[in-house]
PDB file of N, CA and C in Angstrom:
ATOM      1  N   UNK A   1      56.414 107.249   4.923  1.00  0.00           N
ATOM      2  CA  UNK A   1      57.072 106.963   3.669  1.00  0.00           C
ATOM      3  C   UNK A   1      58.182 107.976   3.417  1.00  0.00           C
ATOM      4  N   UNK A   2      59.298 107.477   2.978  1.00  0.00           N
ATOM      5  CA  UNK A   2      60.446 108.334   2.713  1.00  0.00           C
ATOM      6  C   UNK A   2      60.257 109.110   1.409  1.00  0.00           C
ATOM      7  N   UNK A   3      60.615 110.385   1.422  1.00  0.00           N
ATOM      8  CA  UNK A   3      60.595 111.212   0.216  1.00  0.00           C
ATOM      9  C   UNK A   3      62.038 111.476  -0.194  1.00  0.00           C
ATOM     10  N   UNK A   4      62.495 110.715  -1.196  1.00  0.00           N
ATOM     11  CA  UNK A   4      63.864 110.832  -1.679  1.00  0.00           C
ATOM     12  C   UNK A   4      63.880 111.225  -3.152  1.00  0.00           C
ATOM     13  N   UNK A   5      62.852 111.956  -3.565  1.00  0.00           N
ATOM     14  CA  UNK A   5      62.752 112.368  -4.957  1.00  0.00           C
ATOM     15  C   UNK A   5      63.982 113.178  -5.356  1.00  0.00           C
ATOM     16  N   UNK A   6      64.641 112.754  -6.444  1.00  0.00           N
ATOM     17  CA  UNK A   6      65.807 113.452  -6.964  1.00  0.00           C
ATOM     18  C   UNK A   6      67.068 113.284  -6.133  1.00  0.00           C
ATOM     19  N   UNK A   7      67.059 112.414  -5.143  1.00  0.00           N
ATOM     20  CA  UNK A   7      68.214 112.242  -4.253  1.00  0.00           C
ATOM     21  C   UNK A   7      69.414 111.665  -5.002  1.00  0.00           C
ATOM     22  N   UNK A   8      70.603 112.092  -4.603  1.00  0.00           N
ATOM     23  CA  UNK A   8      71.847 111.545  -5.150  1.00  0.00           C
ATOM     24  C   UNK A   8      72.328 110.458  -4.201  1.00  0.00           C
ATOM     25  N   UNK A   9      72.033 109.209  -4.553  1.00  0.00           N
ATOM     26  CA  UNK A   9      72.404 108.063  -3.721  1.00  0.00           C
ATOM     27  C   UNK A   9      73.381 107.162  -4.467  1.00  0.00           C
ATOM     28  N   UNK A  10      74.098 107.735  -5.424  1.00  0.00           N
ATOM     29  CA  UNK A  10      75.027 106.961  -6.232  1.00  0.00           C
ATOM     30  C   UNK A  10      76.025 106.221  -5.340  1.00  0.00           C
ATOM     31  N   UNK A  11      76.109 104.896  -5.542  1.00  0.00           N
ATOM     32  CA  UNK A  11      77.065 104.069  -4.824  1.00  0.00           C
ATOM     33  C   UNK A  11      76.725 103.804  -3.363  1.00  0.00           C
ATOM     34  N   UNK A  12      75.565 104.224  -2.906  1.00  0.00           N
ATOM     35  CA  UNK A  12      75.186 104.037  -1.500  1.00  0.00           C
ATOM     36  C   UNK A  12      74.949 102.560  -1.185  1.00  0.00           C
ATOM     37  N   UNK A  13      75.149 102.198   0.060  1.00  0.00           N
ATOM     38  CA  UNK A  13      74.860 100.844   0.522  1.00  0.00           C
ATOM     39  C   UNK A  13      73.512 100.878   1.244  1.00  0.00           C
ATOM     40  N   UNK A  14      72.478 100.471   0.525  1.00  0.00           N
ATOM     41  CA  UNK A  14      71.121 100.443   1.073  1.00  0.00           C
ATOM     42  C   UNK A  14      70.646  99.008   1.227  1.00  0.00           C
ATOM     43  N   UNK A  15      71.579  98.119   1.464  1.00  0.00           N
ATOM     44  CA  UNK A  15      71.270  96.699   1.617  1.00  0.00           C
ATOM     45  C   UNK A  15      70.247  96.518   2.742  1.00  0.00           C
ATOM     46  N   UNK A  16      69.133  95.872   2.412  1.00  0.00           N
ATOM     47  CA  UNK A  16      68.103  95.589   3.405  1.00  0.00           C
ATOM     48  C   UNK A  16      67.264  96.788   3.815  1.00  0.00           C
ATOM     49  N   UNK A  17      67.414  97.920   3.142  1.00  0.00           N
ATOM     50  CA  UNK A  17      66.649  99.119   3.502  1.00  0.00           C
ATOM     51  C   UNK A  17      65.157  98.879   3.320  1.00  0.00           C
ATOM     52  N   UNK A  18      64.368  99.410   4.212  1.00  0.00           N
ATOM     53  CA  UNK A  18      62.908  99.304   4.138  1.00  0.00           C
ATOM     54  C   UNK A  18      62.369 100.595   3.539  1.00  0.00           C
ATOM     55  N   UNK A  19      62.097 100.538   2.241  1.00  0.00           N
ATOM     56  CA  UNK A  19      61.675 101.719   1.503  1.00  0.00           C
ATOM     57  C   UNK A  19      60.322 101.511   0.820  1.00  0.00           C
ATOM     58  N   UNK A  20      59.469 100.698   1.424  1.00  0.00           N
ATOM     59  CA  UNK A  20      58.139 100.446   0.858  1.00  0.00           C
ATOM     60  C   UNK A  20      57.385 101.762   0.726  1.00  0.00           C
ATOM     61  N   UNK A  21      56.838 101.999  -0.453  1.00  0.00           N
ATOM     62  CA  UNK A  21      56.061 103.208  -0.702  1.00  0.00           C
ATOM     63  C   UNK A  21      56.882 104.475  -0.828  1.00  0.00           C
ATOM     64  N   UNK A  22      58.192 104.370  -0.813  1.00  0.00           N
ATOM     65  CA  UNK A  22      59.055 105.554  -0.876  1.00  0.00           C
ATOM     66  C   UNK A  22      58.936 106.267  -2.217  1.00  0.00           C
ATOM     67  N   UNK A  23      59.165 107.558  -2.187  1.00  0.00           N
ATOM     68  CA  UNK A  23      59.193 108.374  -3.394  1.00  0.00           C
ATOM     69  C   UNK A  23      60.652 108.554  -3.797  1.00  0.00           C
ATOM     70  N   UNK A  24      61.045 107.891  -4.885  1.00  0.00           N
ATOM     71  CA  UNK A  24      62.424 107.936  -5.380  1.00  0.00           C
ATOM     72  C   UNK A  24      62.458 108.381  -6.843  1.00  0.00           C
ATOM     73  N   UNK A  25      61.477 109.166  -7.267  1.00  0.00           N
ATOM     74  CA  UNK A  25      61.447 109.618  -8.643  1.00  0.00           C
ATOM     75  C   UNK A  25      62.723 110.373  -8.976  1.00  0.00           C
ATOM     76  N   UNK A  26      63.287 110.020 -10.138  1.00  0.00           N
ATOM     77  CA  UNK A  26      64.467 110.684 -10.683  1.00  0.00           C
ATOM     78  C   UNK A  26      65.666 110.642  -9.744  1.00  0.00           C
ATOM     79  N   UNK A  27      65.701 109.688  -8.828  1.00  0.00           N
ATOM     80  CA  UNK A  27      66.846 109.540  -7.927  1.00  0.00           C
ATOM     81  C   UNK A  27      68.025 108.935  -8.680  1.00  0.00           C
ATOM     82  N   UNK A  28      69.222 109.330  -8.295  1.00  0.00           N
ATOM     83  CA  UNK A  28      70.449 108.772  -8.848  1.00  0.00           C
ATOM     84  C   UNK A  28      70.848 107.599  -7.967  1.00  0.00           C
ATOM     85  N   UNK A  29      70.619 106.391  -8.481  1.00  0.00           N
ATOM     86  CA  UNK A  29      70.915 105.167  -7.743  1.00  0.00           C
ATOM     87  C   UNK A  29      71.959 104.332  -8.487  1.00  0.00           C
ATOM     88  N   UNK A  30      72.797 105.001  -9.263  1.00  0.00           N
ATOM     89  CA  UNK A  30      73.823 104.314 -10.041  1.00  0.00           C
ATOM     90  C   UNK A  30      74.760 103.575  -9.089  1.00  0.00           C
ATOM     91  N   UNK A  31      74.929 102.267  -9.327  1.00  0.00           N
ATOM     92  CA  UNK A  31      75.855 101.468  -8.531  1.00  0.00           C
ATOM     93  C   UNK A  31      75.440 101.254  -7.088  1.00  0.00           C
ATOM     94  N   UNK A  32      74.221 101.560  -6.744  1.00  0.00           N
ATOM     95  CA  UNK A  32      73.743 101.418  -5.370  1.00  0.00           C
ATOM     96  C   UNK A  32      73.489  99.953  -5.029  1.00  0.00           C
ATOM     97  N   UNK A  33      73.840  99.563  -3.812  1.00  0.00           N
ATOM     98  CA  UNK A  33      73.552  98.215  -3.327  1.00  0.00           C
ATOM     99  C   UNK A  33      72.167  98.231  -2.687  1.00  0.00           C
ATOM    100  N   UNK A  34      71.210  97.614  -3.379  1.00  0.00           N
ATOM    101  CA  UNK A  34      69.840  97.507  -2.883  1.00  0.00           C
ATOM    102  C   UNK A  34      69.470  96.051  -2.639  1.00  0.00           C
ATOM    103  N   UNK A  35      70.478  95.226  -2.369  1.00  0.00           N
ATOM    104  CA  UNK A  35      70.229  93.809  -2.098  1.00  0.00           C
ATOM    105  C   UNK A  35      69.274  93.689  -0.912  1.00  0.00           C
ATOM    106  N   UNK A  36      68.262  92.843  -1.076  1.00  0.00           N
ATOM    107  CA  UNK A  36      67.276  92.551  -0.033  1.00  0.00           C
ATOM    108  C   UNK A  36      66.449  93.767   0.394  1.00  0.00           C
ATOM    109  N   UNK A  37      66.497  94.851  -0.373  1.00  0.00           N
ATOM    110  CA  UNK A  37      65.738  96.056  -0.018  1.00  0.00           C
ATOM    111  C   UNK A  37      64.246  95.819  -0.217  1.00  0.00           C
ATOM    112  N   UNK A  38      63.452  96.392   0.657  1.00  0.00           N
ATOM    113  CA  UNK A  38      61.998  96.339   0.554  1.00  0.00           C
ATOM    114  C   UNK A  38      61.500  97.589  -0.139  1.00  0.00           C
ATOM    115  N   UNK A  39      61.237  97.485  -1.441  1.00  0.00           N
ATOM    116  CA  UNK A  39      60.796  98.621  -2.246  1.00  0.00           C
ATOM    117  C   UNK A  39      59.382  98.415  -2.776  1.00  0.00           C
ATOM    118  N   UNK A  40      58.567  97.663  -2.047  1.00  0.00           N
ATOM    119  CA  UNK A  40      57.208  97.408  -2.472  1.00  0.00           C
ATOM    120  C   UNK A  40      56.454  98.730  -2.639  1.00  0.00           C
ATOM    121  N   UNK A  41      55.785  98.853  -3.776  1.00  0.00           N
ATOM    122  CA  UNK A  41      54.961 100.032  -4.092  1.00  0.00           C
ATOM    123  C   UNK A  41      55.751 101.339  -4.105  1.00  0.00           C
ATOM    124  N   UNK A  42      57.061 101.278  -4.190  1.00  0.00           N
ATOM    125  CA  UNK A  42      57.875 102.495  -4.264  1.00  0.00           C
ATOM    126  C   UNK A  42      57.713 103.139  -5.637  1.00  0.00           C
ATOM    127  N   UNK A  43      57.857 104.448  -5.680  1.00  0.00           N
ATOM    128  CA  UNK A  43      57.788 105.178  -6.941  1.00  0.00           C
ATOM    129  C   UNK A  43      59.211 105.541  -7.366  1.00  0.00           C
ATOM    130  N   UNK A  44      59.724 104.790  -8.348  1.00  0.00           N
ATOM    131  CA  UNK A  44      61.073 105.002  -8.864  1.00  0.00           C
ATOM    132  C   UNK A  44      61.034 105.576 -10.280  1.00  0.00           C
ATOM    133  N   UNK A  45      59.943 106.197 -10.641  1.00  0.00           N
ATOM    134  CA  UNK A  45      59.795 106.706 -12.007  1.00  0.00           C
ATOM    135  C   UNK A  45      60.961 107.620 -12.377  1.00  0.00           C
ATOM    136  N   UNK A  46      61.608 107.290 -13.488  1.00  0.00           N
ATOM    137  CA  UNK A  46      62.704 108.111 -13.992  1.00  0.00           C
ATOM    138  C   UNK A  46      64.009 107.954 -13.241  1.00  0.00           C
ATOM    139  N   UNK A  47      64.090 107.022 -12.301  1.00  0.00           N
ATOM    140  CA  UNK A  47      65.326 106.826 -11.527  1.00  0.00           C
ATOM    141  C   UNK A  47      66.403 106.177 -12.395  1.00  0.00           C
ATOM    142  N   UNK A  48      67.651 106.446 -12.058  1.00  0.00           N
ATOM    143  CA  UNK A  48      68.787 105.856 -12.763  1.00  0.00           C
ATOM    144  C   UNK A  48      69.368 104.759 -11.888  1.00  0.00           C
ATOM    145  N   UNK A  49      69.148 103.507 -12.304  1.00  0.00           N
ATOM    146  CA  UNK A  49      69.586 102.330 -11.553  1.00  0.00           C
ATOM    147  C   UNK A  49      70.679 101.566 -12.298  1.00  0.00           C
ATOM    148  N   UNK A  50      71.414 102.262 -13.178  1.00  0.00           N
ATOM    149  CA  UNK A  50      72.506 101.586 -13.881  1.00  0.00           C
ATOM    150  C   UNK A  50      73.491 101.014 -12.867  1.00  0.00           C
ATOM    151  N   UNK A  51      73.942  99.785 -13.133  1.00  0.00           N
ATOM    152  CA  UNK A  51      74.939  99.082 -12.331  1.00  0.00           C
ATOM    153  C   UNK A  51      74.481  98.829 -10.886  1.00  0.00           C
ATOM    154  N   UNK A  52      73.211  99.040 -10.555  1.00  0.00           N
ATOM    155  CA  UNK A  52      72.715  98.783  -9.194  1.00  0.00           C
ATOM    156  C   UNK A  52      72.621  97.284  -8.943  1.00  0.00           C
ATOM    157  N   UNK A  53      72.819  96.892  -7.695  1.00  0.00           N
ATOM    158  CA  UNK A  53      72.665  95.499  -7.316  1.00  0.00           C
ATOM    159  C   UNK A  53      71.344  95.366  -6.577  1.00  0.00           C
ATOM    160  N   UNK A  54      70.393  94.663  -7.218  1.00  0.00           N
ATOM    161  CA  UNK A  54      69.048  94.509  -6.680  1.00  0.00           C
ATOM    162  C   UNK A  54      68.751  93.060  -6.324  1.00  0.00           C
ATOM    163  N   UNK A  55      69.772  92.298  -6.005  1.00  0.00           N
ATOM    164  CA  UNK A  55      69.599  90.887  -5.689  1.00  0.00           C
ATOM    165  C   UNK A  55      68.591  90.669  -4.569  1.00  0.00           C
ATOM    166  N   UNK A  56      67.544  89.914  -4.879  1.00  0.00           N
ATOM    167  CA  UNK A  56      66.470  89.549  -3.954  1.00  0.00           C
ATOM    168  C   UNK A  56      65.734  90.762  -3.362  1.00  0.00           C
ATOM    169  N   UNK A  57      65.796  91.890  -4.042  1.00  0.00           N
ATOM    170  CA  UNK A  57      65.020  93.059  -3.609  1.00  0.00           C
ATOM    171  C   UNK A  57      63.551  92.831  -3.945  1.00  0.00           C
ATOM    172  N   UNK A  58      62.664  93.425  -3.173  1.00  0.00           N
ATOM    173  CA  UNK A  58      61.226  93.314  -3.421  1.00  0.00           C
ATOM    174  C   UNK A  58      60.745  94.600  -4.092  1.00  0.00           C
ATOM    175  N   UNK A  59      60.507  94.505  -5.401  1.00  0.00           N
ATOM    176  CA  UNK A  59      59.996  95.633  -6.179  1.00  0.00           C
ATOM    177  C   UNK A  59      58.553  95.379  -6.615  1.00  0.00           C
ATOM    178  N   UNK A  60      57.852  94.543  -5.859  1.00  0.00           N
ATOM    179  CA  UNK A  60      56.467  94.247  -6.217  1.00  0.00           C
ATOM    180  C   UNK A  60      55.628  95.526  -6.162  1.00  0.00           C
ATOM    181  N   UNK A  61      54.820  95.697  -7.198  1.00  0.00           N
ATOM    182  CA  UNK A  61      53.929  96.844  -7.346  1.00  0.00           C
ATOM    183  C   UNK A  61      54.664  98.181  -7.407  1.00  0.00           C
ATOM    184  N   UNK A  62      55.966  98.159  -7.652  1.00  0.00           N
ATOM    185  CA  UNK A  62      56.734  99.403  -7.767  1.00  0.00           C
ATOM    186  C   UNK A  62      56.513 100.044  -9.134  1.00  0.00           C
ATOM    187  N   UNK A  63      56.604 101.357  -9.174  1.00  0.00           N
ATOM    188  CA  UNK A  63      56.537 102.097 -10.428  1.00  0.00           C
ATOM    189  C   UNK A  63      57.970 102.317 -10.911  1.00  0.00           C
ATOM    190  N   UNK A  64      58.339 101.584 -11.964  1.00  0.00           N
ATOM    191  CA  UNK A  64      59.675 101.681 -12.549  1.00  0.00           C
ATOM    192  C   UNK A  64      59.604 102.282 -13.955  1.00  0.00           C
ATOM    193  N   UNK A  65      58.551 103.025 -14.223  1.00  0.00           N
ATOM    194  CA  UNK A  65      58.398 103.654 -15.535  1.00  0.00           C
ATOM    195  C   UNK A  65      59.557 104.612 -15.779  1.00  0.00           C
ATOM    196  N   UNK A  66      60.081 104.558 -17.003  1.00  0.00           N
ATOM    197  CA  UNK A  66      61.153 105.441 -17.451  1.00  0.00           C
ATOM    198  C   UNK A  66      62.458 105.281 -16.676  1.00  0.00           C
ATOM    199  N   UNK A  67      62.634 104.174 -15.972  1.00  0.00           N
ATOM    200  CA  UNK A  67      63.897 103.937 -15.273  1.00  0.00           C
ATOM    201  C   UNK A  67      64.942 103.371 -16.218  1.00  0.00           C
ATOM    202  N   UNK A  68      66.194 103.589 -15.862  1.00  0.00           N
ATOM    203  CA  UNK A  68      67.309 102.994 -16.581  1.00  0.00           C
ATOM    204  C   UNK A  68      67.906 101.936 -15.669  1.00  0.00           C
ATOM    205  N   UNK A  69      67.851 100.685 -16.124  1.00  0.00           N
ATOM    206  CA  UNK A  69      68.358  99.557 -15.337  1.00  0.00           C
ATOM    207  C   UNK A  69      69.527  98.864 -16.035  1.00  0.00           C
ATOM    208  N   UNK A  70      70.134  99.524 -16.997  1.00  0.00           N
ATOM    209  CA  UNK A  70      71.216  98.894 -17.760  1.00  0.00           C
ATOM    210  C   UNK A  70      72.327  98.432 -16.828  1.00  0.00           C
ATOM    211  N   UNK A  71      72.740  97.203 -17.030  1.00  0.00           N
ATOM    212  CA  UNK A  71      73.816  96.548 -16.274  1.00  0.00           C
ATOM    213  C   UNK A  71      73.474  96.307 -14.804  1.00  0.00           C
ATOM    214  N   UNK A  72      72.248  96.559 -14.400  1.00  0.00           N
ATOM    215  CA  UNK A  72      71.831  96.244 -13.022  1.00  0.00           C
ATOM    216  C   UNK A  72      71.741  94.728 -12.874  1.00  0.00           C
ATOM    217  N   UNK A  73      71.896  94.251 -11.658  1.00  0.00           N
ATOM    218  CA  UNK A  73      71.790  92.816 -11.367  1.00  0.00           C
ATOM    219  C   UNK A  73      70.458  92.571 -10.670  1.00  0.00           C
ATOM    220  N   UNK A  74      69.597  91.780 -11.331  1.00  0.00           N
ATOM    221  CA  UNK A  74      68.253  91.517 -10.816  1.00  0.00           C
ATOM    222  C   UNK A  74      68.081  90.085 -10.326  1.00  0.00           C
ATOM    223  N   UNK A  75      69.143  89.437  -9.925  1.00  0.00           N
ATOM    224  CA  UNK A  75      69.040  88.041  -9.501  1.00  0.00           C
ATOM    225  C   UNK A  75      68.079  87.890  -8.328  1.00  0.00           C
ATOM    226  N   UNK A  76      66.993  87.132  -8.563  1.00  0.00           N
ATOM    227  CA  UNK A  76      66.030  86.854  -7.509  1.00  0.00           C
ATOM    228  C   UNK A  76      65.141  88.012  -7.130  1.00  0.00           C
ATOM    229  N   UNK A  77      65.153  89.081  -7.907  1.00  0.00           N
ATOM    230  CA  UNK A  77      64.333  90.257  -7.616  1.00  0.00           C
ATOM    231  C   UNK A  77      62.854  89.952  -7.849  1.00  0.00           C
ATOM    232  N   UNK A  78      61.993  90.478  -6.995  1.00  0.00           N
ATOM    233  CA  UNK A  78      60.553  90.302  -7.137  1.00  0.00           C
ATOM    234  C   UNK A  78      59.994  91.491  -7.919  1.00  0.00           C
ATOM    235  N   UNK A  79      59.524  91.230  -9.151  1.00  0.00           N
ATOM    236  CA  UNK A  79      58.936  92.276  -9.984  1.00  0.00           C
ATOM    237  C   UNK A  79      57.429  92.087 -10.166  1.00  0.00           C
ATOM    238  N   UNK A  80      56.795  91.330  -9.280  1.00  0.00           N
ATOM    239  CA  UNK A  80      55.358  91.081  -9.407  1.00  0.00           C
ATOM    240  C   UNK A  80      54.587  92.396  -9.404  1.00  0.00           C
ATOM    241  N   UNK A  81      53.786  92.593 -10.443  1.00  0.00           N
ATOM    242  CA  UNK A  81      52.942  93.773 -10.615  1.00  0.00           C
ATOM    243  C   UNK A  81      53.734  95.075 -10.733  1.00  0.00           C
ATOM    244  N   UNK A  82      55.027  94.985 -11.015  1.00  0.00           N
ATOM    245  CA  UNK A  82      55.836  96.192 -11.238  1.00  0.00           C
ATOM    246  C   UNK A  82      55.488  96.781 -12.598  1.00  0.00           C
ATOM    247  N   UNK A  83      55.515  98.101 -12.688  1.00  0.00           N
ATOM    248  CA  UNK A  83      55.210  98.810 -13.927  1.00  0.00           C
ATOM    249  C   UNK A  83      56.521  99.282 -14.553  1.00  0.00           C
ATOM    250  N   UNK A  84      56.777  98.815 -15.779  1.00  0.00           N
ATOM    251  CA  UNK A  84      58.049  99.074 -16.454  1.00  0.00           C
ATOM    252  C   UNK A  84      57.857  99.797 -17.794  1.00  0.00           C
ATOM    253  N   UNK A  85      56.868 100.662 -17.905  1.00  0.00           N
ATOM    254  CA  UNK A  85      56.670 101.393 -19.147  1.00  0.00           C
ATOM    255  C   UNK A  85      57.877 102.282 -19.426  1.00  0.00           C
ATOM    256  N   UNK A  86      58.365 102.212 -20.657  1.00  0.00           N
ATOM    257  CA  UNK A  86      59.494 103.012 -21.128  1.00  0.00           C
ATOM    258  C   UNK A  86      60.792 102.754 -20.358  1.00  0.00           C
ATOM    259  N   UNK A  87      60.863 101.687 -19.596  1.00  0.00           N
ATOM    260  CA  UNK A  87      62.089 101.357 -18.854  1.00  0.00           C
ATOM    261  C   UNK A  87      63.125 100.750 -19.795  1.00  0.00           C
ATOM    262  N   UNK A  88      64.388 100.955 -19.474  1.00  0.00           N
ATOM    263  CA  UNK A  88      65.491 100.406 -20.268  1.00  0.00           C
ATOM    264  C   UNK A  88      66.134  99.270 -19.491  1.00  0.00           C
ATOM    265  N   UNK A  89      65.864  98.044 -19.928  1.00  0.00           N
ATOM    266  CA  UNK A  89      66.395  96.850 -19.268  1.00  0.00           C
ATOM    267  C   UNK A  89      67.430  96.136 -20.139  1.00  0.00           C
ATOM    268  N   UNK A  90      67.984  96.825 -21.113  1.00  0.00           N
ATOM    269  CA  UNK A  90      69.019  96.210 -21.939  1.00  0.00           C
ATOM    270  C   UNK A  90      70.251  95.965 -21.083  1.00  0.00           C
ATOM    271  N   UNK A  91      70.934  94.887 -21.351  1.00  0.00           N
ATOM    272  CA  UNK A  91      72.184  94.533 -20.673  1.00  0.00           C
ATOM    273  C   UNK A  91      72.017  94.245 -19.181  1.00  0.00           C
ATOM    274  N   UNK A  92      70.779  94.005 -18.720  1.00  0.00           N
ATOM    275  CA  UNK A  92      70.544  93.689 -17.313  1.00  0.00           C
ATOM    276  C   UNK A  92      71.060  92.279 -17.031  1.00  0.00           C
ATOM    277  N   UNK A  93      71.731  92.121 -15.903  1.00  0.00           N
ATOM    278  CA  UNK A  93      72.237  90.814 -15.502  1.00  0.00           C
ATOM    279  C   UNK A  93      71.149  90.039 -14.768  1.00  0.00           C
ATOM    280  N   UNK A  94      71.114  88.737 -15.028  1.00  0.00           N
ATOM    281  CA  UNK A  94      70.191  87.809 -14.369  1.00  0.00           C
ATOM    282  C   UNK A  94      68.721  88.153 -14.592  1.00  0.00           C
ATOM    283  N   UNK A  95      68.423  88.753 -15.733  1.00  0.00           N
ATOM    284  CA  UNK A  95      67.032  89.012 -16.088  1.00  0.00           C
ATOM    285  C   UNK A  95      66.499  87.791 -16.829  1.00  0.00           C
ATOM    286  N   UNK A  96      65.482  87.185 -16.290  1.00  0.00           N
ATOM    287  CA  UNK A  96      64.871  85.994 -16.866  1.00  0.00           C
ATOM    288  C   UNK A  96      63.402  86.282 -17.174  1.00  0.00           C
ATOM    289  N   UNK A  97      62.861  85.531 -18.109  1.00  0.00           N
ATOM    290  CA  UNK A  97      61.463  85.714 -18.481  1.00  0.00           C
ATOM    291  C   UNK A  97      60.540  85.560 -17.279  1.00  0.00           C
ATOM    292  N   UNK A  98      60.842  84.641 -16.388  1.00  0.00           N
ATOM    293  CA  UNK A  98      60.001  84.417 -15.215  1.00  0.00           C
ATOM    294  C   UNK A  98      59.898  85.688 -14.356  1.00  0.00           C
ATOM    295  N   UNK A  99      60.931  86.518 -14.319  1.00  0.00           N
ATOM    296  CA  UNK A  99      60.865  87.775 -13.560  1.00  0.00           C
ATOM    297  C   UNK A  99      59.915  88.767 -14.227  1.00  0.00           C
ATOM    298  N   UNK A 100      59.880  88.734 -15.556  1.00  0.00           N
ATOM    299  CA  UNK A 100      59.037  89.678 -16.292  1.00  0.00           C
ATOM    300  C   UNK A 100      57.581  89.240 -16.387  1.00  0.00           C
ATOM    301  N   UNK A 101      57.316  87.964 -16.165  1.00  0.00           N
ATOM    302  CA  UNK A 101      55.965  87.443 -16.344  1.00  0.00           C
ATOM    303  C   UNK A 101      54.925  88.106 -15.445  1.00  0.00           C
ATOM    304  N   UNK A 102      55.309  88.551 -14.274  1.00  0.00           N
ATOM    305  CA  UNK A 102      54.355  89.189 -13.374  1.00  0.00           C
ATOM    306  C   UNK A 102      54.326  90.696 -13.498  1.00  0.00           C
ATOM    307  N   UNK A 103      55.244  91.257 -14.296  1.00  0.00           N
ATOM    308  CA  UNK A 103      55.345  92.707 -14.466  1.00  0.00           C
ATOM    309  C   UNK A 103      54.616  93.132 -15.734  1.00  0.00           C
ATOM    310  N   UNK A 104      54.566  94.443 -15.974  1.00  0.00           N
ATOM    311  CA  UNK A 104      53.993  94.934 -17.222  1.00  0.00           C
ATOM    312  C   UNK A 104      54.805  96.107 -17.733  1.00  0.00           C
ATOM    313  N   UNK A 105      54.683  96.350 -19.016  1.00  0.00           N
ATOM    314  CA  UNK A 105      55.403  97.442 -19.667  1.00  0.00           C
ATOM    315  C   UNK A 105      54.598  97.968 -20.839  1.00  0.00           C
ATOM    316  N   UNK A 106      55.299  98.471 -21.845  1.00  0.00           N
ATOM    317  CA  UNK A 106      54.637  98.958 -23.050  1.00  0.00           C
ATOM    318  C   UNK A 106      55.562  98.769 -24.237  1.00  0.00           C
ATOM    319  N   UNK A 107      55.151  99.309 -25.382  1.00  0.00           N
ATOM    320  CA  UNK A 107      55.957  99.133 -26.582  1.00  0.00           C
ATOM    321  C   UNK A 107      57.286  99.873 -26.518  1.00  0.00           C
ATOM    322  N   UNK A 108      57.467 100.746 -25.558  1.00  0.00           N
ATOM    323  CA  UNK A 108      58.713 101.487 -25.412  1.00  0.00           C
ATOM    324  C   UNK A 108      59.659 100.871 -24.380  1.00  0.00           C
ATOM    325  N   UNK A 109      59.220  99.822 -23.711  1.00  0.00           N
ATOM    326  CA  UNK A 109      60.078  99.120 -22.757  1.00  0.00           C
ATOM    327  C   UNK A 109      61.181  98.422 -23.546  1.00  0.00           C
ATOM    328  N   UNK A 110      62.428  98.687 -23.197  1.00  0.00           N
ATOM    329  CA  UNK A 110      63.568  98.108 -23.917  1.00  0.00           C
ATOM    330  C   UNK A 110      64.045  96.863 -23.181  1.00  0.00           C
ATOM    331  N   UNK A 111      63.946  95.719 -23.878  1.00  0.00           N
ATOM    332  CA  UNK A 111      64.294  94.427 -23.289  1.00  0.00           C
ATOM    333  C   UNK A 111      65.404  93.757 -24.077  1.00  0.00           C
ATOM    334  N   UNK A 112      66.149  92.862 -23.435  1.00  0.00           N
ATOM    335  CA  UNK A 112      67.123  92.057 -24.180  1.00  0.00           C
ATOM    336  C   UNK A 112      66.397  91.164 -25.180  1.00  0.00           C
ATOM    337  N   UNK A 113      67.090  90.803 -26.238  1.00  0.00           N
ATOM    338  CA  UNK A 113      66.519  89.932 -27.264  1.00  0.00           C
ATOM    339  C   UNK A 113      65.986  88.649 -26.634  1.00  0.00           C
ATOM    340  N   UNK A 114      64.828  88.223 -27.108  1.00  0.00           N
ATOM    341  CA  UNK A 114      64.225  86.979 -26.659  1.00  0.00           C
ATOM    342  C   UNK A 114      63.299  87.105 -25.468  1.00  0.00           C
ATOM    343  N   UNK A 115      63.270  88.263 -24.816  1.00  0.00           N
ATOM    344  CA  UNK A 115      62.389  88.440 -23.660  1.00  0.00           C
ATOM    345  C   UNK A 115      61.197  89.309 -24.065  1.00  0.00           C
ATOM    346  N   UNK A 116      60.108  89.130 -23.363  1.00  0.00           N
ATOM    347  CA  UNK A 116      58.892  89.905 -23.668  1.00  0.00           C
ATOM    348  C   UNK A 116      58.227  90.311 -22.347  1.00  0.00           C
ATOM    349  N   UNK A 117      57.330  91.283 -22.471  1.00  0.00           N
ATOM    350  CA  UNK A 117      56.595  91.758 -21.304  1.00  0.00           C
ATOM    351  C   UNK A 117      55.170  92.099 -21.740  1.00  0.00           C
ATOM    352  N   UNK A 118      54.205  91.802 -20.885  1.00  0.00           N
ATOM    353  CA  UNK A 118      52.820  92.135 -21.226  1.00  0.00           C
ATOM    354  C   UNK A 118      52.598  93.640 -21.041  1.00  0.00           C
ATOM    355  N   UNK A 119      51.592  94.145 -21.724  1.00  0.00           N
ATOM    356  CA  UNK A 119      51.269  95.568 -21.635  1.00  0.00           C
ATOM    357  C   UNK A 119      50.507  95.871 -20.355  1.00  0.00           C
ATOM    358  N   UNK A 120      50.816  96.993 -19.766  1.00  0.00           N
ATOM    359  CA  UNK A 120      50.071  97.446 -18.589  1.00  0.00           C
ATOM    360  C   UNK A 120      48.660  97.843 -19.018  1.00  0.00           C
ATOM    361  N   UNK A 121      47.725  97.545 -18.174  1.00  0.00           N
ATOM    362  CA  UNK A 121      46.321  97.891 -18.470  1.00  0.00           C
ATOM    363  C   UNK A 121      45.991  99.266 -17.948  1.00  0.00           C
TER     364      UNK A 121
END
């Protein structure tokens, strides 16, 4: 498993990267291309994913607590069993209720108007 905790990957092209189980806590991923990336069970707690492109990325079972995803593109992203406590998803592109239905968050998860998320157990 890759240890990229606190890494500065702003604007990097990580298209198709296999980062399952990777440690990316507090990483700077602003504007990063993560299209088709395998991030299953990755720990992205506190990471900055503003303006990131996550089209069809697999974030199943990923820890996205306290992440900033503002203006990120989540078209076709897999968020099954992803943890989004205290995450900021305002202004996210292509965020649909169906993507959030398999994920969980808390009362501090910031969502666009009209969307909801179940609480993590």
